[in-house]
Amino acid sequence: MGFINVLIFIISLSSVKGQTTQLANYSCSENNVSIQFTLSSSSHSAWNPTSNCSLQQCDISLNGNNNCLSSSTPCFDYRTINNISYCAPGILCSILERCDNNTQTCSSNSSVCIINSCCSPQAVCLPLLATQMCNTGCVLSAQSQWNQTGVTVAGNPSGANGIGLNELYDPVGFYYDEASSTMYIGDGSNLRVLKWSLGSSLGTVIAANGYGIGCVSNQFDGVAGVAFDSYGHLYTSATCGKISKFPPNSNSTTIGVLVTQTSGSEHIFIDPLTDDLYAVSYADCSIVKIARNNTYSVVIAGGNGCGNGLNQFNGLNGAYVYENSLYVVDSGNHRIMKYLLNNNSATNGTVVAGGNGAGNASNQLNVPTDVIVDASGTLYIADGGNHRIQRWFASAMYGDTIVGTGIPGTAANQLNTPEGLRFDEQKNLLVVDRSNNRIQMFKLSVCSQ
């Protein structure tokens, strides 16, 4: 909050037609920092009387506490070049940085480039901290819904692959940093990891294979997993099973350090509370844990031969940790398994989604590829072979489709082998649309009813 406490937000009630200008001062406290903003008739990022420019107000339905939002505080709908929406107050134009004209990006990761402000013909950088004043505070529920038409936020909307910095080729690994609204993409067949800010038209290479395809420390044979620890170190997993570590602020020439070797890896996950890393050991049909600062792995689930028993896996694709529970994507058995982390690898897991054979019925999955869990214990599953995203409530016997038609395609409402998923800070759903070589955003349309 160090940046926002020196800003004075200039907000005009007259930017909305039919309202008269009212002058008032408002202040609030957010994260122990006092923020002041003033309602004024001065021109600002959402209203300019000279150019007859005004932005629409956001439709905000609060579902939580937000001390920095008054009913008299208008929040406006700012848009990026990719038509991604950010809701924030009006801001005095003189304090807003201009975006880079060529890349439509900002010099700071704490800002996003918006193209529809009333400041000038040139795009300006909106501080992401300003959006906290208009945060909906949504807690996902059974009533939550997402727009069925996705927006491409990385890659080619047509689904075509490519090698340019505005293109992807078989994306697999995915990590999202809420603090900076930044995606980190394992661009599989391009043998690189891209850092890609939401709203930007291209990414930046932060790890790459410049030494030929292979499995030694300075090579990739594909980028299957991407994760970060609390110190900003990048971890990658390769198809051959190599897990590498890169220093903060790495680039295309940085050589990673080998952490450990598994028998073939896919997605990796780092527990944000402990920095412990969880990875697939594919040929061993097991999930291994590499404790923070260690270079050896310990089997914590599976490892009892490949099969369909409750202590076995078949064709693993990834894992997710939440509240001392390990969720395993058991792709070949078309199910999601749950294990308690304090148990050993011989302990049976519990089927929490699927497990009824491959299929597209509501109680079935077809080669699931990723899973995440929300605060209520609801699972969100990338159902790869069914080209859809499934929501599966805790203890439910079936799921419901929240995104995707079930038919592969390149239309904005379709997916083709979704590989990964994460929520952004506004609970919009980000999906790695693998076979379409793109990342799709499906905006939250209803938080709760």
Protein backbone atom coordinates (compact mmCIF):
# COMPACT_ATOMS: atom_id res chain seq x y z
CA MET A 1 0.00 0.00 0.00
CA GLY A 2 3.03 2.27 -0.11
CA PHE A 3 2.00 3.82 -3.42
CA ILE A 4 -1.67 4.44 -2.84
CA ASN A 5 -1.30 6.43 0.35
CA VAL A 6 0.28 9.33 -1.53
CA LEU A 7 -2.43 9.47 -4.19
CA ILE A 8 -5.52 11.62 -4.08
CA PHE A 9 -8.22 10.04 -6.22
CA ILE A 10 -10.21 12.70 -8.06
CA ILE A 11 -13.71 11.32 -8.61
CA SER A 12 -16.54 13.13 -10.34
CA LEU A 13 -20.20 12.38 -9.74
CA SER A 14 -20.99 14.46 -12.82
CA SER A 15 -19.34 11.79 -14.99
CA VAL A 16 -22.63 9.94 -14.80
CA LYS A 17 -25.38 11.59 -16.81
CA GLY A 18 -28.21 13.08 -14.82
CA GLN A 19 -26.19 13.59 -11.65
CA THR A 20 -25.07 16.90 -10.30
CA THR A 21 -21.61 17.61 -9.05
CA GLN A 22 -21.21 17.22 -5.30
CA LEU A 23 -18.05 18.06 -3.45
CA ALA A 24 -17.18 15.88 -0.47
CA ASN A 25 -14.22 14.30 1.20
CA TYR A 26 -14.01 10.62 2.06
CA SER A 27 -11.33 8.67 3.84
CA CYS A 28 -10.90 5.10 4.94
CA SER A 29 -8.30 2.76 6.30
CA GLU A 30 -7.07 -0.24 4.33
CA ASN A 31 -4.22 -2.44 5.59
CA ASN A 32 -3.38 0.15 8.27
CA VAL A 33 -2.88 2.88 5.66
CA SER A 34 -5.14 5.90 5.42
CA ILE A 35 -6.48 6.66 1.95
CA GLN A 36 -8.19 9.91 1.04
CA PHE A 37 -10.15 10.68 -2.08
CA THR A 38 -12.16 13.69 -3.16
CA LEU A 39 -15.30 14.00 -5.23
CA SER A 40 -14.64 16.83 -7.65
CA SER A 41 -15.67 18.32 -10.95
CA SER A 42 -12.06 18.22 -12.19
CA SER A 43 -11.29 16.12 -15.25
CA HIS A 44 -9.81 12.71 -14.51
CA SER A 45 -9.26 9.25 -15.96
CA ALA A 46 -13.00 8.50 -16.22
CA TRP A 47 -14.35 11.92 -17.16
CA ASN A 48 -13.12 14.79 -19.31
CA PRO A 49 -15.53 17.63 -20.16
CA THR A 50 -13.28 18.98 -22.93
CA SER A 51 -13.24 15.77 -24.94
CA ASN A 52 -16.76 14.80 -23.87
CA CYS A 53 -15.37 11.51 -22.59
CA SER A 54 -16.97 9.48 -19.83
CA LEU A 55 -16.68 5.84 -18.83
CA GLN A 56 -19.47 3.59 -17.69
CA GLN A 57 -19.71 2.78 -14.02
CA CYS A 58 -19.01 -0.75 -12.84
CA ASP A 59 -21.83 -2.91 -11.58
CA ILE A 60 -20.54 -3.68 -8.11
CA SER A 61 -22.32 -6.04 -5.74
CA LEU A 62 -20.35 -6.29 -2.52
CA ASN A 63 -20.23 -9.69 -0.91
CA GLY A 64 -17.82 -8.88 1.85
CA ASN A 65 -16.35 -6.03 3.84
CA ASN A 66 -14.61 -3.24 1.99
CA ASN A 67 -13.89 -0.21 4.13
CA CYS A 68 -12.67 1.78 1.15
CA LEU A 69 -15.87 1.72 -0.88
CA SER A 70 -18.67 4.17 -0.17
CA SER A 71 -21.98 4.13 -2.01
CA SER A 72 -21.04 7.63 -3.11
CA THR A 73 -17.77 6.47 -4.62
CA PRO A 74 -18.19 5.75 -8.35
CA CYS A 75 -16.06 2.96 -9.79
CA PHE A 76 -15.47 2.86 -13.52
CA ASP A 77 -14.98 0.18 -16.16
CA TYR A 78 -11.43 0.44 -17.55
CA ARG A 79 -10.41 -1.82 -20.45
CA THR A 80 -7.12 -3.25 -21.70
CA ILE A 81 -6.18 -3.83 -25.33
CA ASN A 82 -7.54 -7.39 -24.91
CA ASN A 83 -10.85 -6.04 -23.55
CA ILE A 84 -10.15 -7.21 -20.00
CA SER A 85 -12.11 -5.13 -17.50
CA TYR A 86 -10.69 -3.46 -14.39
CA CYS A 87 -12.91 -1.59 -11.97
CA ALA A 88 -11.35 1.45 -10.26
CA PRO A 89 -12.15 5.05 -9.24
CA GLY A 90 -11.36 8.06 -11.37
CA ILE A 91 -7.74 9.14 -10.97
CA LEU A 92 -6.11 12.50 -11.67
CA CYS A 93 -4.49 12.16 -15.11
CA SER A 94 -1.33 14.02 -14.15
CA ILE A 95 -0.21 11.22 -11.83
CA LEU A 96 -0.76 8.35 -14.27
CA GLU A 97 2.21 6.92 -16.15
CA ARG A 98 1.86 6.49 -19.92
CA CYS A 99 2.02 2.96 -21.36
CA ASP A 100 4.67 1.83 -23.81
CA ASN A 101 3.17 2.58 -27.24
CA ASN A 102 4.61 -0.53 -28.88
CA THR A 103 3.95 -3.22 -26.30
CA GLN A 104 0.98 -1.68 -24.47
CA THR A 105 2.67 -2.53 -21.17
CA CYS A 106 3.70 -0.61 -18.04
CA SER A 107 7.17 -0.34 -16.56
CA SER A 108 5.86 -1.59 -13.22
CA ASN A 109 4.23 -4.97 -12.57
CA SER A 110 1.94 -3.21 -10.11
CA SER A 111 0.10 -1.40 -12.93
CA VAL A 112 -1.91 -2.49 -15.95
CA CYS A 113 -2.18 -0.69 -19.30
CA ILE A 114 -5.70 0.56 -20.05
CA ILE A 115 -6.69 2.04 -23.40
CA ASN A 116 -10.08 3.72 -22.77
CA SER A 117 -9.24 6.38 -20.20
CA CYS A 118 -10.21 10.00 -20.67
CA CYS A 119 -6.69 11.25 -19.98
CA SER A 120 -5.30 11.38 -23.51
CA PRO A 121 -5.27 9.47 -26.79
CA GLN A 122 -2.36 7.46 -25.40
CA ALA A 123 -2.99 4.50 -23.11
CA VAL A 124 -2.17 4.98 -19.42
CA CYS A 125 -1.11 2.72 -16.55
CA LEU A 126 -3.77 2.01 -13.94
CA PRO A 127 -2.30 1.15 -10.49
CA LEU A 128 -3.63 -2.26 -9.49
CA LEU A 129 -3.89 -1.07 -5.89
CA ALA A 130 -6.59 1.35 -7.04
CA THR A 131 -8.76 -1.59 -8.07
CA GLN A 132 -8.87 -2.74 -4.44
CA MET A 133 -11.17 0.19 -3.70
CA CYS A 134 -13.70 -1.36 -6.07
CA ASN A 135 -13.10 -5.00 -5.28
CA THR A 136 -16.31 -6.99 -5.14
CA GLY A 137 -14.95 -9.19 -2.38
CA CYS A 138 -16.69 -12.18 -3.94
CA VAL A 139 -16.73 -15.49 -2.08
CA LEU A 140 -17.57 -18.22 -4.58
CA SER A 141 -20.74 -20.18 -3.94
CA ALA A 142 -23.12 -22.59 -5.63
CA GLN A 143 -24.74 -19.59 -7.32
CA SER A 144 -21.52 -18.28 -8.88
CA GLN A 145 -21.56 -18.12 -12.67
CA TRP A 146 -19.06 -17.22 -15.39
CA ASN A 147 -19.55 -15.63 -18.79
CA GLN A 148 -19.56 -18.43 -21.35
CA THR A 149 -17.70 -16.33 -23.92
CA GLY A 150 -14.01 -16.36 -23.16
CA VAL A 151 -11.46 -13.62 -23.88
CA THR A 152 -8.01 -14.60 -25.12
CA VAL A 153 -5.43 -13.10 -22.73
CA ALA A 154 -2.36 -14.87 -24.17
CA GLY A 155 -1.71 -16.52 -27.53
CA ASN A 156 -3.67 -16.35 -30.78
CA PRO A 157 -7.48 -16.20 -30.44
CA SER A 158 -7.74 -18.30 -33.62
CA GLY A 159 -5.96 -21.20 -31.94
CA ALA A 160 -2.94 -21.08 -34.25
CA ASN A 161 0.46 -21.85 -32.75
CA GLY A 162 3.61 -19.81 -33.24
CA ILE A 163 7.02 -18.84 -31.90
CA GLY A 164 6.54 -15.08 -31.50
CA LEU A 165 6.31 -13.43 -28.09
CA ASN A 166 2.61 -12.90 -28.76
CA GLU A 167 2.11 -16.59 -29.53
CA LEU A 168 2.10 -19.95 -27.75
CA TYR A 169 2.74 -23.50 -28.89
CA ASP A 170 1.29 -26.28 -26.75
CA PRO A 171 1.08 -24.42 -23.40
CA VAL A 172 1.01 -26.73 -20.37
CA GLY A 173 2.40 -25.32 -17.11
CA PHE A 174 0.64 -22.30 -15.59
CA TYR A 175 1.08 -20.08 -12.54
CA TYR A 176 -0.82 -16.90 -11.70
CA ASP A 177 0.42 -14.18 -9.35
CA GLU A 178 -2.52 -12.22 -7.94
CA ALA A 179 -0.37 -9.47 -6.45
CA SER A 180 0.87 -8.36 -9.88
CA SER A 181 -1.90 -9.78 -12.13
CA THR A 182 0.77 -11.73 -14.00
CA MET A 183 0.61 -15.12 -15.71
CA TYR A 184 3.60 -17.44 -16.00
CA ILE A 185 3.16 -19.89 -18.86
CA GLY A 186 5.07 -23.08 -19.58
CA ASP A 187 5.13 -22.77 -23.37
CA GLY A 188 5.75 -26.47 -23.95
CA SER A 189 6.81 -26.91 -27.56
CA ASN A 190 8.59 -23.54 -27.63
CA LEU A 191 10.74 -24.79 -24.73
CA ARG A 192 10.38 -21.61 -22.69
CA VAL A 193 8.58 -19.96 -19.79
CA LEU A 194 6.82 -16.67 -20.51
CA LYS A 195 5.95 -13.93 -18.05
CA TRP A 196 2.75 -12.32 -19.34
CA SER A 197 0.91 -9.47 -17.60
CA LEU A 198 -2.85 -9.49 -17.91
CA GLY A 199 -3.76 -6.87 -20.48
CA SER A 200 -0.47 -7.14 -22.35
CA SER A 201 -0.33 -8.28 -25.97
CA LEU A 202 2.90 -10.26 -25.56
CA GLY A 203 5.04 -12.04 -23.02
CA THR A 204 8.66 -11.91 -21.87
CA VAL A 205 10.93 -14.96 -21.78
CA ILE A 206 12.18 -15.68 -18.24
CA ALA A 207 13.53 -19.18 -18.89
CA ALA A 208 14.41 -20.81 -22.19
CA ASN A 209 16.20 -23.67 -23.84
CA GLY A 210 19.19 -22.30 -25.68
CA TYR A 211 21.33 -25.41 -25.56
CA GLY A 212 19.45 -28.03 -27.53
CA ILE A 213 16.65 -30.35 -26.52
CA GLY A 214 17.65 -32.60 -23.64
CA CYS A 215 17.48 -33.26 -19.92
CA VAL A 216 20.63 -31.74 -18.43
CA SER A 217 20.53 -28.58 -16.29
CA ASN A 218 20.75 -26.13 -19.19
CA GLN A 219 18.19 -27.88 -21.42
CA PHE A 220 14.44 -28.44 -21.73
CA ASP A 221 12.64 -31.27 -23.49
CA GLY A 222 9.30 -29.56 -22.86
CA VAL A 223 7.96 -27.37 -20.04
CA ALA A 224 5.27 -29.31 -18.20
CA GLY A 225 5.06 -27.45 -14.88
CA VAL A 226 5.63 -23.94 -13.55
CA ALA A 227 5.61 -22.81 -9.90
CA PHE A 228 7.10 -20.15 -7.60
CA ASP A 229 8.20 -20.26 -3.97
CA SER A 230 7.73 -17.42 -1.49
CA TYR A 231 11.20 -16.04 -2.30
CA GLY A 232 10.44 -15.57 -5.99
CA HIS A 233 12.38 -18.58 -7.29
CA LEU A 234 10.93 -20.13 -10.43
CA TYR A 235 10.61 -23.93 -10.57
CA THR A 236 10.00 -25.85 -13.78
CA SER A 237 9.36 -29.49 -14.55
CA ALA A 238 10.36 -31.12 -17.81
CA THR A 239 8.78 -34.09 -19.53
CA CYS A 240 11.88 -36.16 -18.78
CA GLY A 241 11.30 -35.66 -15.07
CA LYS A 242 13.87 -32.96 -14.37
CA ILE A 243 12.80 -30.28 -11.87
CA SER A 244 14.87 -27.09 -12.09
CA LYS A 245 15.13 -23.91 -10.03
CA PHE A 246 15.79 -20.42 -11.41
CA PRO A 247 16.66 -17.27 -9.42
CA PRO A 248 14.27 -14.32 -9.13
CA ASN A 249 14.19 -12.03 -12.16
CA SER A 250 15.61 -14.70 -14.46
CA ASN A 251 15.72 -14.17 -18.21
CA SER A 252 16.21 -16.12 -21.42
CA THR A 253 19.92 -16.66 -20.72
CA THR A 254 19.62 -17.77 -17.08
CA ILE A 255 20.63 -21.40 -16.46
CA GLY A 256 18.54 -23.29 -13.96
CA VAL A 257 19.89 -25.50 -11.17
CA LEU A 258 18.78 -29.11 -11.01
CA VAL A 259 16.66 -29.71 -7.89
CA THR A 260 15.75 -33.36 -8.33
CA GLN A 261 14.88 -35.96 -10.93
CA THR A 262 11.62 -37.92 -11.10
CA SER A 263 10.59 -40.70 -13.45
CA GLY A 264 8.71 -38.27 -15.65
CA SER A 265 6.92 -35.13 -14.50
CA GLU A 266 3.85 -33.10 -15.36
CA HIS A 267 2.36 -30.25 -13.32
CA ILE A 268 4.12 -29.17 -10.13
CA PHE A 269 2.68 -27.35 -7.12
CA ILE A 270 4.35 -25.43 -4.29
CA ASP A 271 2.45 -25.09 -1.01
CA PRO A 272 2.47 -21.32 -0.32
CA LEU A 273 2.48 -21.97 3.45
CA THR A 274 5.55 -24.23 3.56
CA ASP A 275 7.33 -23.87 0.20
CA ASP A 276 7.23 -27.68 -0.10
CA LEU A 277 7.07 -28.81 -3.73
CA TYR A 278 4.77 -31.59 -4.96
CA ALA A 279 5.44 -33.34 -8.25
CA VAL A 280 4.35 -36.30 -10.33
CA SER A 281 6.69 -39.24 -10.73
CA TYR A 282 4.95 -40.56 -13.81
CA ALA A 283 6.48 -43.99 -14.41
CA ASP A 284 6.36 -44.81 -10.68
CA CYS A 285 2.68 -43.80 -10.45
CA SER A 286 3.43 -41.74 -7.35
CA ILE A 287 3.33 -38.21 -5.97
CA VAL A 288 6.57 -37.02 -4.39
CA LYS A 289 7.31 -34.13 -2.04
CA ILE A 290 10.54 -32.13 -2.08
CA ALA A 291 10.72 -30.21 1.18
CA ARG A 292 11.93 -26.64 1.12
CA ASN A 293 15.69 -26.35 0.52
CA ASN A 294 16.01 -30.11 -0.04
CA THR A 295 17.13 -31.93 -3.18
CA TYR A 296 15.66 -35.36 -2.47
CA SER A 297 12.08 -36.49 -2.89
CA VAL A 298 9.83 -38.54 -0.63
CA VAL A 299 6.85 -40.55 -1.89
CA ILE A 300 3.71 -39.32 -0.12
CA ALA A 301 0.97 -40.95 -2.24
CA GLY A 302 0.94 -43.93 -4.56
CA GLY A 303 4.14 -45.80 -5.29
CA ASN A 304 2.31 -49.10 -5.00
CA GLY A 305 2.46 -49.97 -8.66
CA CYS A 306 0.22 -48.54 -11.36
CA GLY A 307 -3.44 -49.49 -11.13
CA ASN A 308 -6.90 -48.40 -10.06
CA GLY A 309 -6.74 -49.26 -6.35
CA LEU A 310 -7.33 -46.55 -3.77
CA ASN A 311 -3.58 -46.50 -3.06
CA GLN A 312 -2.64 -46.53 -6.75
CA PHE A 313 -2.61 -44.17 -9.72
CA ASN A 314 -2.54 -44.52 -13.48
CA GLY A 315 -1.36 -41.72 -15.75
CA LEU A 316 -0.83 -38.94 -13.18
CA ASN A 317 -1.00 -35.31 -14.27
CA GLY A 318 -0.69 -33.13 -11.17
CA ALA A 319 -1.48 -32.32 -7.56
CA TYR A 320 -2.89 -29.50 -5.43
CA VAL A 321 -2.56 -28.92 -1.68
CA TYR A 322 -5.17 -27.20 0.47
CA GLU A 323 -5.70 -27.33 4.25
CA ASN A 324 -3.45 -30.32 4.89
CA SER A 325 -5.06 -32.34 2.11
CA LEU A 326 -3.46 -33.49 -1.12
CA TYR A 327 -5.66 -33.58 -4.23
CA VAL A 328 -4.29 -35.77 -7.02
CA VAL A 329 -5.25 -35.67 -10.70
CA ASP A 330 -5.39 -39.39 -11.53
CA SER A 331 -5.88 -38.90 -15.26
CA GLY A 332 -5.74 -42.51 -16.43
CA ASN A 333 -8.34 -43.53 -13.86
CA HIS A 334 -10.50 -40.49 -14.75
CA ARG A 335 -10.79 -39.32 -11.17
CA ILE A 336 -9.58 -36.89 -8.51
CA MET A 337 -8.21 -38.44 -5.32
CA LYS A 338 -7.82 -36.88 -1.88
CA TYR A 339 -5.19 -37.84 0.74
CA LEU A 340 -4.37 -36.49 4.18
CA LEU A 341 -0.81 -35.19 4.17
CA ASN A 342 0.11 -36.75 7.50
CA ASN A 343 -0.50 -40.25 6.13
CA ASN A 344 2.01 -42.39 4.25
CA SER A 345 2.00 -43.60 0.67
CA ALA A 346 0.41 -46.95 1.56
CA THR A 347 -2.75 -45.28 2.87
CA ASN A 348 -5.82 -45.43 0.70
CA GLY A 349 -7.12 -42.20 -0.75
CA THR A 350 -10.71 -41.10 -1.25
CA VAL A 351 -12.31 -40.56 -4.66
CA VAL A 352 -13.73 -37.01 -4.53
CA ALA A 353 -14.65 -36.59 -8.24
CA GLY A 354 -15.15 -38.98 -11.12
CA GLY A 355 -14.08 -42.57 -10.73
CA ASN A 356 -16.97 -43.85 -12.80
CA GLY A 357 -15.00 -44.63 -15.94
CA ALA A 358 -14.26 -42.29 -18.83
CA GLY A 359 -17.30 -40.43 -20.10
CA ASN A 360 -19.10 -37.11 -20.37
CA ALA A 361 -21.95 -37.70 -17.91
CA SER A 362 -22.14 -35.35 -14.92
CA ASN A 363 -20.65 -38.02 -12.63
CA GLN A 364 -17.78 -38.78 -14.99
CA LEU A 365 -14.49 -37.27 -16.11
CA ASN A 366 -12.40 -38.01 -19.18
CA VAL A 367 -8.64 -37.66 -18.67
CA PRO A 368 -8.75 -34.77 -16.18
CA THR A 369 -5.64 -32.60 -16.28
CA ASP A 370 -5.76 -30.16 -13.34
CA VAL A 371 -7.69 -29.34 -10.18
CA ILE A 372 -7.95 -26.39 -7.78
CA VAL A 373 -9.94 -26.06 -4.57
CA ASP A 374 -11.75 -23.01 -3.17
CA ALA A 375 -12.33 -22.01 0.46
CA SER A 376 -15.54 -24.05 0.71
CA GLY A 377 -13.87 -27.24 -0.52
CA THR A 378 -15.41 -27.06 -3.99
CA LEU A 379 -13.26 -28.57 -6.75
CA TYR A 380 -12.75 -26.96 -10.14
CA ILE A 381 -11.46 -29.51 -12.63
CA ALA A 382 -9.95 -29.16 -16.10
CA ASP A 383 -11.76 -32.09 -17.75
CA GLY A 384 -9.34 -32.36 -20.66
CA GLY A 385 -10.91 -35.12 -22.75
CA ASN A 386 -14.37 -33.58 -22.37
CA HIS A 387 -13.15 -30.06 -23.29
CA ARG A 388 -14.90 -28.48 -20.32
CA ILE A 389 -14.36 -27.15 -16.79
CA GLN A 390 -16.30 -28.98 -14.09
CA ARG A 391 -17.34 -27.69 -10.67
CA TRP A 392 -17.67 -30.43 -8.08
CA PHE A 393 -19.01 -29.51 -4.65
CA ALA A 394 -17.59 -31.18 -1.56
CA SER A 395 -19.10 -34.66 -1.01
CA ALA A 396 -21.16 -34.39 -4.23
CA MET A 397 -21.69 -37.42 -6.46
CA TYR A 398 -21.61 -35.37 -9.67
CA GLY A 399 -20.33 -32.10 -11.06
CA ASP A 400 -21.70 -29.33 -13.26
CA THR A 401 -20.12 -27.66 -16.28
CA ILE A 402 -19.22 -24.01 -15.72
CA VAL A 403 -17.17 -23.39 -18.89
CA GLY A 404 -16.92 -25.14 -22.26
CA THR A 405 -19.44 -26.82 -24.53
CA GLY A 406 -17.99 -30.32 -24.38
CA ILE A 407 -17.19 -30.11 -28.09
CA PRO A 408 -13.63 -29.14 -29.07
CA GLY A 409 -13.29 -25.99 -31.14
CA THR A 410 -11.72 -22.56 -31.43
CA ALA A 411 -14.82 -20.43 -30.84
CA ALA A 412 -14.74 -18.11 -27.83
CA ASN A 413 -17.12 -20.40 -25.93
CA GLN A 414 -15.15 -23.56 -26.71
CA LEU A 415 -12.07 -25.27 -25.36
CA ASN A 416 -9.79 -27.90 -26.86
CA THR A 417 -8.10 -30.11 -24.26
CA PRO A 418 -7.95 -27.66 -21.33
CA GLU A 419 -4.75 -28.33 -19.41
CA GLY A 420 -4.79 -26.01 -16.40
CA LEU A 421 -6.86 -23.43 -14.55
CA ARG A 422 -6.57 -20.73 -11.90
CA PHE A 423 -8.70 -17.86 -10.57
CA ASP A 424 -7.49 -14.29 -10.71
CA GLU A 425 -8.03 -11.85 -7.83
CA GLN A 426 -11.51 -10.98 -9.14
CA LYS A 427 -12.50 -14.67 -9.39
CA ASN A 428 -12.37 -14.63 -13.18
CA LEU A 429 -11.41 -18.07 -14.45
CA LEU A 430 -8.16 -18.45 -16.40
CA VAL A 431 -7.91 -21.63 -18.50
CA VAL A 432 -4.92 -23.06 -20.34
CA ASP A 433 -6.60 -23.98 -23.64
CA ARG A 434 -3.76 -26.28 -24.62
CA SER A 435 -4.66 -27.54 -28.09
CA ASN A 436 -5.85 -24.06 -29.05
CA ASN A 437 -2.46 -22.58 -28.02
CA ARG A 438 -4.03 -19.85 -25.93
CA ILE A 439 -5.03 -18.78 -22.42
CA GLN A 440 -8.72 -17.93 -22.06
CA MET A 441 -10.35 -15.75 -19.40
CA PHE A 442 -13.98 -16.37 -18.47
CA LYS A 443 -15.21 -13.42 -16.45
CA LEU A 444 -17.23 -13.91 -13.28
CA SER A 445 -20.76 -12.76 -14.12
CA VAL A 446 -22.61 -13.69 -10.91
CA CYS A 447 -20.97 -14.00 -7.52
CA SER A 448 -24.06 -15.09 -5.57
CA GLN A 449 -27.78 -14.64 -5.92
